[in-house]
Protein backbone atom coordinates (compact mmCIF):
# COMPACT_ATOMS: atom_id res chain seq x y z
CA UNK A 1 -20.47 -2.91 -28.67
CA UNK A 2 -17.68 -5.19 -27.59
CA UNK A 3 -18.92 -7.60 -24.94
CA UNK A 4 -15.82 -9.57 -24.01
CA UNK A 5 -12.11 -9.28 -23.32
CA UNK A 6 -9.52 -11.64 -24.80
CA UNK A 7 -7.23 -13.74 -22.61
CA UNK A 8 -4.15 -11.80 -23.74
CA UNK A 9 -5.83 -8.46 -22.98
CA UNK A 10 -6.91 -9.76 -19.59
CA UNK A 11 -3.39 -10.94 -18.77
CA UNK A 12 -1.85 -7.60 -19.80
CA UNK A 13 -4.31 -5.64 -17.65
CA UNK A 14 -3.80 -8.00 -14.68
CA UNK A 15 -0.03 -7.55 -14.89
CA UNK A 16 -0.52 -3.80 -15.21
CA UNK A 17 -2.54 -3.83 -11.98
CA UNK A 18 0.09 -5.97 -10.28
CA UNK A 19 2.84 -3.56 -11.35
CA UNK A 20 0.86 -0.61 -9.96
CA UNK A 21 0.42 -2.39 -6.64
CA UNK A 22 3.97 -3.70 -6.53
CA UNK A 23 6.11 -0.62 -6.36
CA UNK A 24 9.63 -1.03 -5.11
CA UNK A 25 8.44 -0.22 -1.58
CA UNK A 26 6.56 -3.52 -1.51
CA UNK A 27 9.92 -5.28 -1.58
CA UNK A 28 10.89 -4.10 1.86
CA UNK A 29 8.12 -5.24 4.21
CA UNK A 30 7.80 -9.01 3.65
CA UNK A 31 11.52 -9.69 4.32
CA UNK A 32 11.30 -7.80 7.62
CA UNK A 33 8.10 -9.66 8.53
CA UNK A 34 9.93 -12.92 7.89
CA UNK A 35 13.01 -11.86 9.81
CA UNK A 36 11.11 -10.64 12.89
CA UNK A 37 8.52 -13.43 12.86
CA UNK A 38 11.15 -16.15 12.57
CA UNK A 39 9.52 -19.49 13.37
CA UNK A 40 6.11 -17.75 13.27
CA UNK A 41 6.71 -16.60 9.69
CA UNK A 42 3.96 -18.61 8.03
CA UNK A 43 1.10 -17.40 10.20
CA UNK A 44 2.52 -13.86 10.20
CA UNK A 45 2.79 -13.63 6.42
CA UNK A 46 -0.69 -15.10 5.93
CA UNK A 47 -2.24 -12.34 8.03
CA UNK A 48 0.08 -9.80 6.39
CA UNK A 49 -1.48 -10.88 3.10
CA UNK A 50 -4.97 -10.23 4.46
CA UNK A 51 -4.34 -6.48 4.49
CA UNK A 52 -1.60 -6.38 1.83
CA UNK A 53 -3.33 -8.61 -0.75
CA UNK A 54 -6.92 -9.61 0.09
CA UNK A 55 -7.98 -6.11 1.11
CA UNK A 56 -6.61 -4.41 -2.04
CA UNK A 57 -8.37 -7.06 -4.16
CA UNK A 58 -11.61 -6.32 -2.29
CA UNK A 59 -10.96 -2.61 -2.85
CA UNK A 60 -10.74 -3.19 -6.58
CA UNK A 61 -13.94 -5.23 -6.45
CA UNK A 62 -15.73 -2.50 -4.47
CA UNK A 63 -14.85 0.23 -6.97
CA UNK A 64 -15.64 -2.09 -9.88
CA UNK A 65 -19.18 -2.42 -8.55
CA UNK A 66 -19.57 1.32 -7.94
CA UNK A 67 -17.56 2.45 -11.03
CA UNK A 68 -16.36 5.60 -9.22
CA UNK A 69 -14.49 6.46 -6.03
CA UNK A 70 -16.42 9.72 -5.81
CA UNK A 71 -19.76 7.91 -5.79
CA UNK A 72 -18.58 5.59 -3.01
CA UNK A 73 -17.25 8.25 -0.62
CA UNK A 74 -20.32 10.44 -1.14
CA UNK A 75 -22.48 7.64 0.23
CA UNK A 76 -21.25 8.81 3.65
CA UNK A 77 -21.53 12.59 3.24
CA UNK A 78 -19.93 15.40 1.18
CA UNK A 79 -17.55 16.52 3.95
CA UNK A 80 -16.20 13.00 4.47
CA UNK A 81 -15.87 12.60 0.70
CA UNK A 82 -13.59 15.64 0.39
CA UNK A 83 -11.47 14.95 3.49
CA UNK A 84 -11.03 11.22 2.85
CA UNK A 85 -10.13 11.72 -0.83
CA UNK A 86 -7.54 14.36 0.08
CA UNK A 87 -6.04 12.10 2.75
CA UNK A 88 -5.81 9.19 0.32
CA UNK A 89 -4.00 11.24 -2.34
CA UNK A 90 -1.66 12.86 0.18
CA UNK A 91 -0.83 9.56 1.92
CA UNK A 92 -0.11 7.59 -1.26
CA UNK A 93 1.54 10.69 -2.67
CA UNK A 94 3.97 13.25 -1.28
CA UNK A 95 3.54 12.51 2.42
CA UNK A 96 4.68 8.88 2.47
CA UNK A 97 4.53 6.69 -0.65
CA UNK A 98 6.52 8.95 -3.01
CA UNK A 99 9.35 9.78 -0.55
CA UNK A 100 9.51 6.13 0.53
CA UNK A 101 9.85 4.95 -3.06
CA UNK A 102 12.45 7.63 -3.78
CA UNK A 103 14.58 6.42 -0.86
CA UNK A 104 14.60 2.78 -1.91
CA UNK A 105 17.32 2.79 -4.62
CA UNK A 106 19.53 4.94 -2.38
CA UNK A 107 19.18 2.58 0.59
CA UNK A 108 19.82 -0.52 -1.50
CA UNK A 109 22.74 0.55 -3.70
CA UNK A 110 24.27 3.81 -2.45
CA UNK A 111 24.00 3.77 1.35
CA UNK A 112 25.97 0.48 1.80
CA UNK A 113 28.91 1.95 -0.15
CA UNK A 114 29.34 5.23 1.75
CA UNK A 115 30.30 6.16 5.28
CA UNK A 116 27.65 7.18 7.80
CA UNK A 117 29.19 10.69 7.88
CA UNK A 118 28.44 11.16 4.18
CA UNK A 119 24.94 9.73 4.32
CA UNK A 120 23.04 13.01 4.79
CA UNK A 121 24.82 14.89 2.00
CA UNK A 122 24.67 11.93 -0.39
CA UNK A 123 20.93 11.55 0.21
CA UNK A 124 20.43 15.28 -0.40
CA UNK A 125 22.23 15.16 -3.75
CA UNK A 126 20.53 11.93 -4.79
CA UNK A 127 17.00 13.14 -3.98
CA UNK A 128 17.64 16.46 -5.70
CA UNK A 129 18.57 14.69 -8.94
CA UNK A 130 15.80 12.12 -8.51
CA UNK A 131 12.97 14.63 -8.12
CA UNK A 132 14.37 16.89 -10.83
CA UNK A 133 14.10 13.90 -13.15
CA UNK A 134 10.54 13.28 -11.93
CA UNK A 135 9.66 16.91 -12.66
CA UNK A 136 11.11 16.77 -16.18
CA UNK A 137 9.20 13.60 -17.04
CA UNK A 138 5.90 14.81 -15.56
CA UNK A 139 6.07 18.19 -17.32
CA UNK A 140 7.21 16.69 -20.62
CA UNK A 141 5.34 13.36 -20.94
CA UNK A 142 7.51 10.72 -22.51
CA UNK A 143 7.07 7.10 -23.50
CA UNK A 144 10.34 6.27 -21.76
CA UNK A 145 8.77 5.25 -18.46
CA UNK A 146 5.93 3.45 -20.22
CA UNK A 147 8.40 1.49 -22.33
CA UNK A 148 10.51 0.59 -19.31
CA UNK A 149 7.37 -0.46 -17.49
CA UNK A 150 6.59 -3.10 -20.10
CA UNK A 151 9.82 -4.88 -19.24
CA UNK A 152 10.00 -3.94 -15.57
CA UNK A 153 7.39 -6.33 -14.19
CA UNK A 154 8.82 -9.48 -15.82
CA UNK A 155 12.35 -8.48 -14.77
CA UNK A 156 11.28 -7.93 -11.16
CA UNK A 157 9.43 -11.23 -11.04
CA UNK A 158 12.38 -13.10 -12.52
CA UNK A 159 14.77 -11.44 -10.06
CA UNK A 160 12.61 -12.34 -7.07
CA UNK A 161 12.20 -15.91 -8.33
CA UNK A 162 15.97 -16.25 -8.78
CA UNK A 163 16.58 -14.80 -5.30
CA UNK A 164 14.11 -17.27 -3.81
CA UNK A 165 15.45 -20.31 -5.68
CA UNK A 166 19.05 -19.52 -4.75
CA UNK A 167 17.96 -18.81 -1.17
CA UNK A 168 16.29 -22.24 -0.96
CA UNK A 169 19.14 -24.10 -2.64
CA UNK A 170 21.80 -22.30 -0.56
CA UNK A 171 20.07 -21.59 2.76
CA UNK A 172 21.42 -18.64 4.70
CA UNK A 173 20.42 -20.25 7.99
CA UNK A 174 17.60 -21.65 10.07
CA UNK A 175 14.48 -19.76 11.08
CA UNK A 176 15.20 -18.05 14.39
CA UNK A 177 12.94 -17.32 17.33
CA UNK A 178 10.33 -14.61 16.84
CA UNK A 179 11.37 -11.21 18.17
CA UNK A 180 9.67 -8.03 19.33
CA UNK A 181 5.99 -7.71 18.57
CA UNK A 182 6.02 -10.94 16.56
CA UNK A 183 6.92 -12.91 19.67
CA UNK A 184 3.78 -11.68 21.45
CA UNK A 185 1.24 -11.01 18.68
CA UNK A 186 2.37 -12.58 15.37
CA UNK A 187 -1.12 -12.54 13.84
CA UNK A 188 -2.04 -8.95 14.77
CA UNK A 189 1.48 -7.74 13.91
CA UNK A 190 1.34 -9.32 10.45
CA UNK A 191 -2.11 -7.83 9.90
CA UNK A 192 -0.97 -4.33 10.89
CA UNK A 193 2.31 -4.48 8.94
CA UNK A 194 0.24 -5.16 5.83
CA UNK A 195 -1.06 -1.60 6.22
CA UNK A 196 2.38 -0.28 5.29
CA UNK A 197 2.13 -1.42 1.69
CA UNK A 198 -0.65 1.23 1.35
CA UNK A 199 -2.15 -0.91 -1.41
CA UNK A 200 -5.64 -0.95 0.09
CA UNK A 201 -5.63 2.86 -0.02
CA UNK A 202 -4.31 2.82 -3.56
CA UNK A 203 -6.74 0.12 -4.73
CA UNK A 204 -9.68 2.49 -4.81
CA UNK A 205 -7.68 4.73 -7.16
CA UNK A 206 -6.07 1.97 -9.24
CA UNK A 207 -9.40 0.25 -9.93
CA UNK A 208 -10.48 3.25 -12.00
CA UNK A 209 -7.30 2.91 -14.09
CA UNK A 210 -8.18 -0.74 -14.81
CA UNK A 211 -11.77 0.12 -15.70
CA UNK A 212 -10.63 2.91 -18.03
CA UNK A 213 -8.09 0.58 -19.66
CA UNK A 214 -10.86 -1.92 -20.40
CA UNK A 215 -13.12 0.79 -21.73
CA UNK A 216 -10.28 1.87 -24.03
CA UNK A 217 -10.29 -1.68 -25.42
CA UNK A 218 -13.93 -1.21 -26.33
CA UNK A 219 -15.52 -3.02 -23.37
CA UNK A 220 -18.74 -1.13 -22.66
CA UNK A 221 -20.96 -3.76 -21.04
CA UNK A 222 -21.14 -2.95 -17.32
CA UNK A 223 -21.42 -6.58 -16.21
CA UNK A 224 -18.37 -7.54 -18.26
CA UNK A 225 -16.41 -4.55 -16.88
CA UNK A 226 -17.22 -5.46 -13.28
CA UNK A 227 -16.47 -9.16 -13.74
CA UNK A 228 -13.21 -8.63 -15.66
CA UNK A 229 -11.97 -5.97 -13.21
CA UNK A 230 -12.59 -8.23 -10.22
CA UNK A 231 -10.89 -11.18 -11.94
CA UNK A 232 -7.90 -8.98 -12.83
CA UNK A 233 -7.68 -7.99 -9.17
CA UNK A 234 -7.73 -11.62 -8.10
CA UNK A 235 -4.94 -12.60 -10.51
CA UNK A 236 -2.84 -9.58 -9.51
CA UNK A 237 -3.44 -10.49 -5.86
CA UNK A 238 -2.38 -14.10 -6.41
CA UNK A 239 0.93 -12.95 -7.92
CA UNK A 240 1.40 -10.46 -5.06
CA UNK A 241 0.82 -13.15 -2.45
CA UNK A 242 3.32 -15.51 -4.09
CA UNK A 243 5.96 -12.78 -4.17
CA UNK A 244 5.35 -11.79 -0.55
CA UNK A 245 5.69 -15.36 0.67
CA UNK A 246 8.97 -15.82 -1.20
CA UNK A 247 10.40 -12.60 0.22
CA UNK A 248 9.22 -13.49 3.73
CA UNK A 249 11.01 -16.84 3.46
CA UNK A 250 14.23 -15.08 2.50
CA UNK A 251 13.89 -12.73 5.47
CA UNK A 252 13.18 -15.58 7.89
CA UNK A 253 16.14 -17.64 6.68
CA UNK A 254 18.47 -14.68 7.29
CA UNK A 255 17.41 -14.41 10.94
CA UNK A 256 20.87 -15.12 12.35
CA UNK A 257 22.67 -12.77 9.93
CA UNK A 258 22.84 -9.02 9.32
CA UNK A 259 22.14 -7.97 12.92
CA UNK A 260 22.65 -4.26 12.14
CA UNK A 261 19.86 -3.81 9.57
CA UNK A 262 17.18 -1.28 10.49
CA UNK A 263 14.69 -1.66 7.62
CA UNK A 264 13.68 -3.97 4.81
CA UNK A 265 15.72 -2.13 2.18
CA UNK A 266 18.92 -2.70 4.15
CA UNK A 267 17.97 -6.32 4.75
CA UNK A 268 17.20 -7.07 1.10
CA UNK A 269 20.44 -5.38 0.06
CA UNK A 270 22.40 -7.58 2.48
CA UNK A 271 20.57 -10.73 1.36
CA UNK A 272 21.28 -9.95 -2.31
CA UNK A 273 24.94 -9.23 -1.54
CA UNK A 274 25.23 -12.46 0.47
CA UNK A 275 23.80 -14.54 -2.38
CA UNK A 276 25.25 -12.78 -5.44
CA UNK A 277 27.98 -10.41 -4.29
CA UNK A 278 28.35 -6.74 -5.22
CA UNK A 279 27.01 -7.33 -8.73
CA UNK A 280 23.69 -8.56 -7.34
CA UNK A 281 23.32 -5.49 -5.15
CA UNK A 282 23.94 -3.14 -8.11
CA UNK A 283 21.43 -4.98 -10.31
CA UNK A 284 18.85 -4.89 -7.51
CA UNK A 285 19.41 -1.16 -7.10
CA UNK A 286 18.93 -0.57 -10.83
CA UNK A 287 15.66 -2.50 -10.79
CA UNK A 288 14.53 -0.52 -7.76
CA UNK A 289 15.39 2.75 -9.51
CA UNK A 290 13.29 1.88 -12.54
CA UNK A 291 10.42 0.62 -10.38
CA UNK A 292 10.52 3.69 -8.17
CA UNK A 293 10.74 6.10 -11.09
CA UNK A 294 7.65 4.70 -12.78
CA UNK A 295 5.82 4.67 -9.44
CA UNK A 296 6.68 8.20 -8.33
CA UNK A 297 6.13 9.74 -11.77
CA UNK A 298 2.70 8.12 -11.86
CA UNK A 299 1.83 9.27 -8.34
CA UNK A 300 3.05 12.83 -8.83
CA UNK A 301 1.23 13.05 -12.16
CA UNK A 302 -2.07 11.64 -10.87
CA UNK A 303 -2.00 13.75 -7.69
CA UNK A 304 -1.22 16.87 -9.71
CA UNK A 305 -4.05 16.16 -12.13
CA UNK A 306 -6.51 15.67 -9.27
CA UNK A 307 -5.55 18.80 -7.36
CA UNK A 308 -5.43 20.94 -10.50
CA UNK A 309 -9.00 19.77 -11.23
CA UNK A 310 -10.33 20.81 -7.80
CA UNK A 311 -8.36 24.07 -7.44
CA UNK A 312 -7.56 27.03 -9.65
CA UNK A 313 -3.86 26.20 -9.59
CA UNK A 314 -2.26 24.68 -12.67
CA UNK A 315 -1.01 21.14 -13.21
CA UNK A 316 2.56 22.47 -13.48
CA UNK A 317 2.24 24.20 -10.11
CA UNK A 318 1.17 20.98 -8.43
CA UNK A 319 3.96 18.99 -10.08
CA UNK A 320 6.46 21.47 -8.62
CA UNK A 321 4.70 21.48 -5.24
CA UNK A 322 4.54 17.69 -4.89
CA UNK A 323 8.11 17.26 -6.14
CA UNK A 324 9.47 19.80 -3.66
CA UNK A 325 7.38 18.46 -0.77
CA UNK A 326 8.37 14.88 -1.57
CA UNK A 327 12.03 15.96 -1.79
CA UNK A 328 11.83 17.49 1.69
CA UNK A 329 10.14 14.45 3.22
CA UNK A 330 12.52 12.04 1.47
CA UNK A 331 15.49 13.71 3.15
CA UNK A 332 14.12 12.70 6.55
CA UNK A 333 15.40 9.23 5.63
CA UNK A 334 13.65 5.91 5.08
CA UNK A 335 13.57 4.95 8.77
CA UNK A 336 11.84 8.22 9.73
CA UNK A 337 9.33 7.92 6.88
CA UNK A 338 8.42 4.39 7.95
CA UNK A 339 8.17 5.43 11.60
CA UNK A 340 5.83 8.37 11.01
CA UNK A 341 3.71 6.58 8.43
CA UNK A 342 2.64 3.85 10.86
CA UNK A 343 0.33 5.94 13.12
CA UNK A 344 -1.21 7.62 10.06
CA UNK A 345 -1.98 4.25 8.51
CA UNK A 346 -3.30 2.89 11.81
CA UNK A 347 -5.76 5.80 11.82
CA UNK A 348 -6.69 5.64 8.14
CA UNK A 349 -6.90 1.92 7.44
CA UNK A 350 -9.93 1.06 9.64
CA UNK A 351 -11.94 3.68 7.75
CA UNK A 352 -10.80 2.27 4.41
CA UNK A 353 -11.55 -1.32 5.43
CA UNK A 354 -15.05 -0.44 6.64
CA UNK A 355 -15.76 1.61 3.50
CA UNK A 356 -14.72 -1.27 1.24
CA UNK A 357 -16.82 -3.80 3.16
CA UNK A 358 -19.89 -1.54 3.11
CA UNK A 359 -19.47 -1.05 -0.64
CA UNK A 360 -19.36 -4.80 -1.19
CA UNK A 361 -22.55 -5.39 0.83
CA UNK A 362 -24.33 -2.27 -0.40
CA UNK A 363 -27.07 -4.40 -1.94
CA UNK A 364 -27.82 -5.88 1.47
CA UNK A 365 -27.81 -2.60 3.39
CA UNK A 366 -29.53 -0.81 0.50
CA UNK A 367 -27.20 2.20 0.61
CA UNK A 368 -28.40 3.14 4.10
CA UNK A 369 -26.98 6.53 5.10
CA UNK A 370 -27.46 5.55 8.76
CA UNK A 371 -25.24 2.50 8.40
CA UNK A 372 -22.62 4.22 6.26
CA UNK A 373 -22.29 7.28 8.48
CA UNK A 374 -22.44 5.44 11.82
CA UNK A 375 -19.92 2.74 10.88
CA UNK A 376 -17.54 5.12 9.13
CA UNK A 377 -17.45 7.68 11.93
CA UNK A 378 -16.99 4.99 14.59
CA UNK A 379 -14.01 3.81 12.53
CA UNK A 380 -12.73 7.40 12.31
CA UNK A 381 -12.91 7.92 16.09
CA UNK A 382 -11.38 4.58 17.09
CA UNK A 383 -8.75 4.87 14.34
CA UNK A 384 -7.66 8.29 15.60
CA UNK A 385 -7.52 7.04 19.20
CA UNK A 386 -5.45 4.03 18.10
CA UNK A 387 -3.06 6.24 16.11
CA UNK A 388 -2.58 8.64 19.04
CA UNK A 389 -2.12 5.74 21.44
CA UNK A 390 0.50 4.15 19.17
CA UNK A 391 2.32 7.49 19.03
CA UNK A 392 2.51 7.57 22.82
CA UNK A 393 0.29 10.65 23.15
CA UNK A 394 -1.61 10.71 26.43
CA UNK A 395 -5.37 10.66 25.98
CA UNK A 396 -6.32 10.98 29.65
CA UNK A 397 -9.67 9.54 30.64
CA UNK A 398 -10.59 8.92 27.01
CA UNK A 399 -7.45 6.85 26.59
CA UNK A 400 -8.28 4.79 29.68
CA UNK A 401 -11.70 3.90 28.31
CA UNK A 402 -10.34 3.27 24.81
CA UNK A 403 -7.65 0.93 26.15
CA UNK A 404 -10.42 -1.34 27.49
CA UNK A 405 -11.66 -2.08 23.98
CA UNK A 406 -10.89 -5.67 22.88
CA UNK A 407 -7.64 -5.89 20.87
CA UNK A 408 -6.90 -2.16 21.37
CA UNK A 409 -3.36 -2.90 22.52
CA UNK A 410 -2.65 -4.66 19.23
CA UNK A 411 -3.98 -1.81 17.09
CA UNK A 412 -7.21 -3.62 16.22
CA UNK A 413 -9.50 -1.94 18.74
CA UNK A 414 -11.87 -0.85 15.96
CA UNK A 415 -13.10 -4.36 15.12
CA UNK A 416 -15.56 -5.02 17.98
CA UNK A 417 -17.06 -1.49 17.97
CA UNK A 418 -17.61 -1.81 14.22
CA UNK A 419 -19.38 -5.15 14.56
CA UNK A 420 -21.62 -3.79 17.32
CA UNK A 421 -22.31 -0.57 15.42
CA UNK A 422 -23.20 -2.43 12.25
CA UNK A 423 -25.54 -4.84 14.03
CA UNK A 424 -27.41 -2.02 15.80
CA UNK A 425 -27.72 0.23 12.75
CA UNK A 426 -28.73 -2.64 10.50
CA UNK A 427 -31.54 -3.63 12.89
CA UNK A 428 -32.67 0.01 13.04
CA UNK A 429 -32.54 0.16 9.24
CA UNK A 430 -34.74 -2.95 8.96
CA UNK A 431 -37.32 -1.53 11.37
CA UNK A 432 -37.31 1.86 9.65
CA UNK A 433 -37.81 0.18 6.30
CA UNK A 434 -40.71 -1.89 7.70
CA UNK A 435 -42.32 1.23 9.11
CA UNK A 436 -41.80 3.10 5.85
CA UNK A 437 -39.51 5.72 7.42
């Protein structure tokens, strides 16, 4: 039995985890955080990294300890396990993550070169070709994407480093004043914008990939698997954080330029063009295309495998279904996808955060069903109320009471109820244990 992992194997697996986390979509949020936060960029990006880096790393650690997502979600109850798992796959799949990734190359390289009148038709043609290619690769597995992936991560990291170095050596401008939500709540806004990377949701799926990769190398010792998986998550997180801070700096330094941009893809395209000209924008688009292709093929394939395993419908059926659904959503445009994803993530993230924390302290709470169920369902209720409130849906009397929760107006109304719920249920658990109940 092999009881250790070599440094080179560890590095390869850590970079693999980083590349899974860092799809092309992760390019677009830090620059916008930097641009909108302006002079508040450093505190904003630090709290962005709490949910975009620290939380995914904790998610990997939680699954490493449990060794299975299914085991973790069933600690609550079977109904929650099914619903939550479905929501995770749909959210990081055809509802948001896949269409968002598909839009990225178009927004960076194609959209700036065409008129607004041609945008709809060009996007339709582009997404048709893009998802047809995804279908072909998923149905006929090829080493093409795997081979590209081996070179993709270093190329992306080099590109970002070059962008950052040139941006520092040839500053685009001074940091401007914070705008919008970042002027009022830079910390809470950074924290919530970290949700949009969706990496915390994906971490509980990706951790299994890392564990399986280590097992394939012959690592069978559970303690070694847990330790190596957590360390790989930490290294991947450190690289993620470095990249996010560089991109946020670029966004902040462009605060007085590009006043017409509406999303991070547009902004990054403009920054690249400003620093390197048209050639830079084309190269960036090519990198995005490769990154997105590997990401969406992987997501469509994994979602199709999961749903074919829990239904009587074939893998091929699900590949077609997810490709068609993703195609339809992608044609809503990147701005619409980002807009509609926010309330869903506001509702789903509190549940994910609480689940990860409970998994990490499971030894302390001794797998208490009372604590798991109470804390999770409080997170579900407050998360749904927060999502509906963000969407502008009137909640009547319920909304009036919910709005009185601390931090509710910033989207963090779940924090205090969770702390109170945990304290009460933990005390009850201690007393029940003492009384032998």
